[in-house]
Protein backbone atom coordinates (compact mmCIF):
# COMPACT_ATOMS: atom_id res chain seq x y z
CA UNK A 1 -27.05 33.52 -22.06
CA UNK A 2 -24.42 31.61 -24.05
CA UNK A 3 -22.99 29.79 -21.06
CA UNK A 4 -25.12 27.67 -18.81
CA UNK A 5 -25.03 27.99 -15.07
CA UNK A 6 -23.75 24.40 -14.93
CA UNK A 7 -20.76 25.20 -17.18
CA UNK A 8 -19.80 28.18 -15.00
CA UNK A 9 -20.19 26.20 -11.77
CA UNK A 10 -18.14 23.38 -13.29
CA UNK A 11 -15.37 25.85 -14.10
CA UNK A 12 -15.52 27.17 -10.51
CA UNK A 13 -15.30 23.64 -9.06
CA UNK A 14 -12.38 22.74 -11.33
CA UNK A 15 -10.50 25.91 -10.34
CA UNK A 16 -11.02 25.17 -6.64
CA UNK A 17 -10.10 21.48 -7.06
CA UNK A 18 -6.88 22.25 -8.95
CA UNK A 19 -5.89 25.02 -6.52
CA UNK A 20 -6.15 22.61 -3.60
CA UNK A 21 -3.47 20.45 -5.24
CA UNK A 22 -0.79 23.12 -4.75
CA UNK A 23 1.89 22.01 -2.30
CA UNK A 24 2.78 25.56 -1.37
CA UNK A 25 0.43 26.81 1.35
CA UNK A 26 0.80 30.45 0.31
CA UNK A 27 0.04 29.84 -3.37
CA UNK A 28 -2.83 27.50 -2.49
CA UNK A 29 -4.51 29.92 -0.10
CA UNK A 30 -3.99 32.91 -2.41
CA UNK A 31 -5.51 31.05 -5.36
CA UNK A 32 -8.52 29.88 -3.34
CA UNK A 33 -9.19 33.39 -2.00
CA UNK A 34 -8.76 34.95 -5.45
CA UNK A 35 -11.06 32.45 -7.18
CA UNK A 36 -13.81 32.83 -4.58
CA UNK A 37 -13.49 36.62 -4.70
CA UNK A 38 -13.64 36.82 -8.52
CA UNK A 39 -16.69 34.58 -8.76
CA UNK A 40 -18.44 36.47 -5.96
CA UNK A 41 -17.68 39.82 -7.64
CA UNK A 42 -19.08 38.64 -10.98
CA UNK A 43 -22.03 36.66 -9.59
CA UNK A 44 -24.66 39.08 -10.89
CA UNK A 45 -22.99 39.67 -14.26
CA UNK A 46 -25.58 39.58 -17.03
CA UNK A 47 -23.80 41.07 -20.05
CA UNK A 48 -23.11 38.05 -22.27
CA UNK A 49 -19.92 39.56 -23.70
CA UNK A 50 -18.48 40.12 -20.21
CA UNK A 51 -19.59 36.65 -19.08
CA UNK A 52 -17.82 35.19 -22.12
CA UNK A 53 -14.65 37.18 -21.29
CA UNK A 54 -14.71 36.08 -17.66
CA UNK A 55 -15.28 32.46 -18.68
CA UNK A 56 -12.34 32.59 -21.11
CA UNK A 57 -10.17 34.16 -18.40
CA UNK A 58 -11.23 31.37 -16.02
CA UNK A 59 -10.24 28.69 -18.53
CA UNK A 60 -6.84 30.34 -19.01
CA UNK A 61 -6.39 30.52 -15.25
CA UNK A 62 -7.31 26.86 -14.87
CA UNK A 63 -4.71 25.90 -17.46
CA UNK A 64 -2.08 28.02 -15.71
CA UNK A 65 -2.90 26.54 -12.30
CA UNK A 66 -2.59 22.98 -13.66
CA UNK A 67 0.87 23.79 -15.06
CA UNK A 68 2.00 25.54 -11.88
CA UNK A 69 0.83 22.67 -9.68
CA UNK A 70 2.93 20.22 -11.72
CA UNK A 71 5.99 22.49 -11.52
CA UNK A 72 5.43 23.18 -7.83
CA UNK A 73 5.27 19.48 -7.07
CA UNK A 74 8.62 18.95 -8.77
CA UNK A 75 10.26 21.39 -6.36
CA UNK A 76 8.31 20.80 -3.17
CA UNK A 77 9.46 22.17 0.14
CA UNK A 78 8.77 21.26 3.74
CA UNK A 79 5.29 22.18 4.98
CA UNK A 80 4.93 25.38 6.94
CA UNK A 81 4.20 25.18 10.66
CA UNK A 82 0.65 26.35 9.93
CA UNK A 83 0.12 23.31 7.70
CA UNK A 84 1.25 20.60 10.10
CA UNK A 85 -1.54 18.22 11.01
CA UNK A 86 -0.14 17.10 14.32
CA UNK A 87 -0.68 19.53 17.13
CA UNK A 88 2.19 20.60 19.27
CA UNK A 89 1.86 19.32 22.81
CA UNK A 90 3.52 21.35 25.48
CA UNK A 91 4.30 19.45 28.62
CA UNK A 92 3.43 21.33 31.76
CA UNK A 93 5.53 20.43 34.77
């Protein structure tokens, strides 16, 4: 195979790492789900031409995610309630 397992795993790790930088919860979670799904779907792929196409698509996606993270950080919004780290405490009387 033209691509080593290490190169493919490195691409996967970079995609996950960059996706986690997204400020927007919805974009971040969508990207993480999509990346994991795509790699799982193509895990057993053996045709070198298809592997090469998927690898090239992954590199394009990584480039796009990096650009979108930068743009997203320029126009950040308040975190969603689902993202807040502090738990809401309800006082019981």
